[in-house]
Structures are given as structure tokens and as C-alpha cells.
N, C-alpha and C. Protein backbone atom coordinates (compact mmCIF):
# COMPACT_ATOMS: atom_id res chain seq x y z
N UNK A 1 22.31 -20.06 13.50
CA UNK A 1 21.23 -19.78 12.64
C UNK A 1 20.45 -18.60 12.83
N UNK A 2 20.33 -17.99 11.95
CA UNK A 2 19.29 -16.89 11.63
C UNK A 2 17.85 -16.92 11.52
N UNK A 3 16.85 -16.28 12.26
CA UNK A 3 15.80 -16.53 11.97
C UNK A 3 15.18 -15.45 11.31
N UNK A 4 14.55 -15.52 10.13
CA UNK A 4 14.31 -14.28 9.32
C UNK A 4 12.87 -14.64 9.10
N UNK A 5 12.03 -13.10 8.75
CA UNK A 5 10.53 -13.39 8.63
C UNK A 5 10.36 -12.83 6.86
N UNK A 6 9.74 -13.53 6.56
CA UNK A 6 9.25 -13.19 5.15
C UNK A 6 7.87 -12.37 5.41
N UNK A 7 7.94 -11.01 5.01
CA UNK A 7 6.64 -10.60 5.00
C UNK A 7 5.99 -10.41 3.74
N UNK A 8 5.23 -11.13 3.41
CA UNK A 8 4.11 -11.03 2.06
C UNK A 8 3.45 -9.41 1.90
N UNK A 9 3.14 -9.29 0.47
CA UNK A 9 3.17 -7.77 0.21
C UNK A 9 2.10 -7.44 0.99
N UNK A 10 1.11 -8.16 1.29
CA UNK A 10 -0.16 -7.67 2.47
C UNK A 10 0.43 -6.92 3.65
N UNK A 11 1.56 -7.66 4.26
CA UNK A 11 1.98 -7.02 5.29
C UNK A 11 2.67 -5.86 5.14
N UNK A 12 3.29 -5.86 3.88
CA UNK A 12 4.14 -4.41 3.62
C UNK A 12 3.27 -3.66 3.23
N UNK A 13 2.24 -3.78 2.50
CA UNK A 13 1.17 -2.97 2.18
C UNK A 13 0.39 -2.16 3.27
N UNK A 14 0.31 -2.90 4.51
CA UNK A 14 -0.05 -2.56 5.53
C UNK A 14 0.44 -1.76 6.55
N UNK A 15 1.71 -1.97 6.59
CA UNK A 15 2.86 -1.37 7.13
C UNK A 15 2.72 0.14 6.53
N UNK A 16 3.11 0.04 5.22
CA UNK A 16 2.97 1.33 4.50
C UNK A 16 1.85 2.43 5.04
N UNK A 17 0.73 1.73 4.51
CA UNK A 17 -0.31 2.59 4.65
C UNK A 17 -0.70 2.90 6.16
N UNK A 18 -0.19 2.31 6.98
CA UNK A 18 -0.19 2.71 8.47
C UNK A 18 0.65 3.90 8.64
N UNK A 19 1.40 4.17 7.90
CA UNK A 19 2.53 5.54 8.32
C UNK A 19 1.72 6.50 7.63
N UNK A 20 0.74 6.46 6.69
CA UNK A 20 -0.14 7.69 5.78
C UNK A 20 -1.12 8.22 6.90
N UNK A 21 -1.01 9.75 6.54
CA UNK A 21 -2.05 10.60 7.40
C UNK A 21 -3.49 10.20 6.71
N UNK A 22 -4.81 10.52 7.31
CA UNK A 22 -5.80 10.12 6.93
C UNK A 22 -6.08 10.72 5.57
N UNK A 23 -5.80 12.06 4.95
CA UNK A 23 -6.15 12.33 3.68
C UNK A 23 -5.24 11.60 2.53
N UNK A 24 -3.76 11.78 2.71
CA UNK A 24 -3.05 10.79 1.77
C UNK A 24 -3.76 9.25 1.71
N UNK A 25 -4.10 8.65 2.93
CA UNK A 25 -4.32 7.26 2.69
C UNK A 25 -5.85 7.20 1.99
N UNK A 26 -6.86 7.99 2.34
CA UNK A 26 -8.00 8.05 1.73
C UNK A 26 -7.73 8.60 -0.32
N UNK A 27 -6.88 9.42 -0.52
CA UNK A 27 -6.43 9.46 -1.70
C UNK A 27 -6.19 8.24 -2.24
N UNK A 28 -5.14 8.00 -1.83
CA UNK A 28 -4.44 6.36 -2.41
C UNK A 28 -5.48 5.45 -2.35
N UNK A 29 -5.92 4.72 -1.59
CA UNK A 29 -6.95 3.63 -1.25
C UNK A 29 -8.27 4.21 -2.32
N UNK A 30 -8.81 5.39 -1.99
CA UNK A 30 -10.09 5.98 -2.58
C UNK A 30 -9.67 5.76 -4.09
N UNK A 31 -8.58 5.95 -4.81
CA UNK A 31 -8.31 5.90 -5.97
C UNK A 31 -8.75 4.57 -6.66
N UNK A 32 -7.78 3.35 -6.09
CA UNK A 32 -8.20 2.20 -6.06
C UNK A 32 -9.39 2.01 -6.09
N UNK A 33 -10.15 2.31 -4.80
CA UNK A 33 -11.66 1.50 -4.62
C UNK A 33 -12.46 2.41 -5.89
N UNK A 34 -12.34 3.45 -6.41
CA UNK A 34 -13.13 4.31 -7.64
C UNK A 34 -12.62 3.20 -8.81
N UNK A 35 -11.75 3.23 -9.25
CA UNK A 35 -11.24 2.57 -9.96
C UNK A 35 -11.55 1.03 -10.42
N UNK A 36 -12.07 0.53 -9.11
CA UNK A 36 -12.27 -1.15 -9.35
C UNK A 36 -13.71 -1.23 -9.07
N UNK A 37 -14.35 0.07 -8.69
CA UNK A 37 -15.88 0.06 -8.45
C UNK A 37 -16.19 -0.36 -7.17
N UNK A 38 -15.64 -0.30 -6.04
CA UNK A 38 -15.72 -0.97 -4.65
C UNK A 38 -15.27 0.04 -3.85
N UNK A 39 -15.86 -0.22 -2.45
CA UNK A 39 -15.86 0.78 -0.96
C UNK A 39 -14.13 0.91 -0.68
N UNK A 40 -13.94 1.72 -0.08
CA UNK A 40 -12.84 2.20 0.46
C UNK A 40 -12.21 0.68 1.55
N UNK A 41 -13.54 0.16 2.37
CA UNK A 41 -13.10 -0.80 2.98
C UNK A 41 -12.60 -2.08 2.51
N UNK A 42 -13.54 -2.25 1.05
CA UNK A 42 -13.20 -3.43 0.38
C UNK A 42 -11.73 -3.36 -0.43
N UNK A 43 -11.44 -2.23 -0.47
CA UNK A 43 -9.89 -1.96 -1.52
C UNK A 43 -8.81 -1.85 -0.23
N UNK A 44 -9.34 -1.58 0.95
CA UNK A 44 -8.19 -1.79 2.15
C UNK A 44 -7.52 -3.37 2.15
N UNK A 45 -9.00 -3.84 2.55
CA UNK A 45 -9.07 -5.50 2.55
C UNK A 45 -8.22 -6.17 1.55
N UNK A 46 -8.54 -5.79 0.21
CA UNK A 46 -7.66 -6.30 -0.90
C UNK A 46 -6.09 -5.98 -0.95
N UNK A 47 -5.95 -5.00 -0.33
CA UNK A 47 -4.27 -4.53 -0.07
C UNK A 47 -3.89 -5.25 0.91
N UNK A 48 -4.37 -5.70 1.84
CA UNK A 48 -3.76 -6.34 3.25
C UNK A 48 -3.70 -7.79 3.23
N UNK A 49 -4.66 -8.63 2.66
CA UNK A 49 -4.73 -9.95 2.95
C UNK A 49 -3.20 -10.39 2.26
N UNK A 50 -3.05 -11.91 2.52
CA UNK A 50 -1.75 -12.27 2.51
C UNK A 50 -1.36 -12.62 1.08
N UNK A 51 -2.44 -12.69 0.09
CA UNK A 51 -2.29 -12.82 -1.36
C UNK A 51 -2.30 -11.59 -2.37
N UNK A 52 -2.05 -10.63 -1.76
CA UNK A 52 -2.12 -9.47 -2.11
C UNK A 52 -0.87 -9.17 -2.84
N UNK A 53 -1.21 -8.17 -4.07
CA UNK A 53 0.00 -7.70 -4.88
C UNK A 53 0.65 -6.69 -4.11
N UNK A 54 1.73 -5.84 -4.96
CA UNK A 54 2.52 -4.95 -4.30
C UNK A 54 1.20 -3.52 -4.87
N UNK A 55 1.36 -2.63 -3.83
CA UNK A 55 0.15 -1.68 -3.73
C UNK A 55 0.01 -0.94 -4.60
N UNK A 56 1.56 -0.78 -5.44
CA UNK A 56 1.28 0.03 -7.14
C UNK A 56 0.79 -0.58 -7.99
N UNK A 57 0.30 -2.19 -7.90
CA UNK A 57 0.05 -2.75 -8.84
C UNK A 57 -1.65 -2.47 -8.99
N UNK A 58 -2.17 -1.64 -8.37
CA UNK A 58 -3.38 -1.36 -8.08
C UNK A 58 -3.74 -0.20 -8.65
N UNK A 59 -2.72 0.57 -8.47
CA UNK A 59 -3.15 2.12 -8.82
C UNK A 59 -2.52 2.39 -10.22
N UNK A 60 -3.45 3.69 -10.73
CA UNK A 60 -3.31 4.06 -12.17
C UNK A 60 -2.59 5.71 -12.19
N UNK A 61 -2.24 6.00 -12.97
CA UNK A 61 -1.80 7.45 -13.16
C UNK A 61 -0.82 7.99 -12.35
N UNK A 62 -1.36 9.36 -12.15
CA UNK A 62 -0.83 10.13 -11.19
C UNK A 62 -0.78 9.73 -9.62
N UNK A 63 -1.68 9.08 -9.25
CA UNK A 63 -1.79 8.59 -7.94
C UNK A 63 -0.68 7.30 -7.88
N UNK A 64 -0.71 6.53 -8.69
CA UNK A 64 0.67 5.39 -8.72
C UNK A 64 1.98 6.15 -8.63
N UNK A 65 1.97 7.30 -9.17
CA UNK A 65 3.09 7.73 -9.25
C UNK A 65 3.75 8.24 -8.19
N UNK A 66 2.86 9.29 -7.28
CA UNK A 66 2.83 10.02 -5.91
C UNK A 66 3.13 8.68 -5.22
N UNK A 67 2.20 7.64 -5.11
CA UNK A 67 2.12 6.79 -4.09
C UNK A 67 3.33 5.85 -4.24
N UNK A 68 4.22 5.67 -5.33
CA UNK A 68 5.43 5.00 -5.72
C UNK A 68 6.75 6.12 -4.84
N UNK A 69 6.62 7.21 -5.31
CA UNK A 69 7.64 8.06 -4.40
C UNK A 69 7.52 7.99 -2.73
N UNK A 70 6.20 8.24 -2.25
CA UNK A 70 6.25 7.79 -0.95
C UNK A 70 6.68 6.30 -0.45
N UNK A 71 6.31 5.57 -1.37
CA UNK A 71 6.52 4.07 -0.92
C UNK A 71 7.83 3.81 -0.86
N UNK A 72 8.84 4.43 -1.97
CA UNK A 72 10.06 4.58 -2.07
C UNK A 72 10.93 5.42 -1.02
N UNK A 73 10.37 6.51 -0.20
CA UNK A 73 10.76 6.90 0.97
C UNK A 73 10.68 6.42 1.99
N UNK A 74 9.51 5.38 2.03
CA UNK A 74 9.30 5.00 3.51
C UNK A 74 10.23 3.84 3.34
N UNK A 75 10.27 2.96 2.28
CA UNK A 75 11.30 1.77 2.45
C UNK A 75 12.77 2.40 2.58
N UNK A 76 13.30 3.37 2.30
CA UNK A 76 14.40 4.24 2.48
C UNK A 76 14.63 4.00 4.00
N UNK A 77 13.77 4.92 4.78
CA UNK A 77 13.57 5.40 6.17
C UNK A 77 13.61 3.87 6.71
N UNK A 78 13.21 2.78 6.59
CA UNK A 78 13.73 1.27 7.25
C UNK A 78 15.09 0.91 7.22
N UNK A 79 15.54 1.46 6.34
CA UNK A 79 17.43 1.20 6.36
C UNK A 79 17.95 1.87 7.17
N UNK A 80 17.58 3.06 7.60
CA UNK A 80 18.43 3.62 8.66
C UNK A 80 18.73 3.45 10.02
């Protein structure tokens, strides 16, 4: 029998965010915070809780495209 762990979006978002440098992290999470009128800390909490959506669902415009590219690159690096 194989034990498998199902990660929720919050855990996936948290793992992805932990790979970003401070500047990129602030750009991505700051963009979300600005869009929703919340603090970066509140945005982070929203991204990493157990019932979060995929990080891309919270982003708009160019920041979403840039984050998508980083997210896809990160996912590919996990499969090496």
C-alpha cells in the first residue's frame, strides 16, 4: 500500500512562496494586497490557509502572467 500526501492549495502556495526572494515575494503578495485592500500579512494568510485557491486566482494583469511563469518553472523543478 502506498501512502500519499495530498497537499492543499495553501500548502502548495506556501511552498512556492518560500522559494521566492524578498523582492519578488513583495511584488506578488503586495499586488494581491493592493488589489484587495489588505496588508501583505493578511494577503499571505489568505494564500496559505487550508481553503486557499491557487495563488494565480488572486492575481491580476501582468503580475499574474509573471507569477504563472515562475509557478510553472517551480513545478517543473520538482519533477527533476
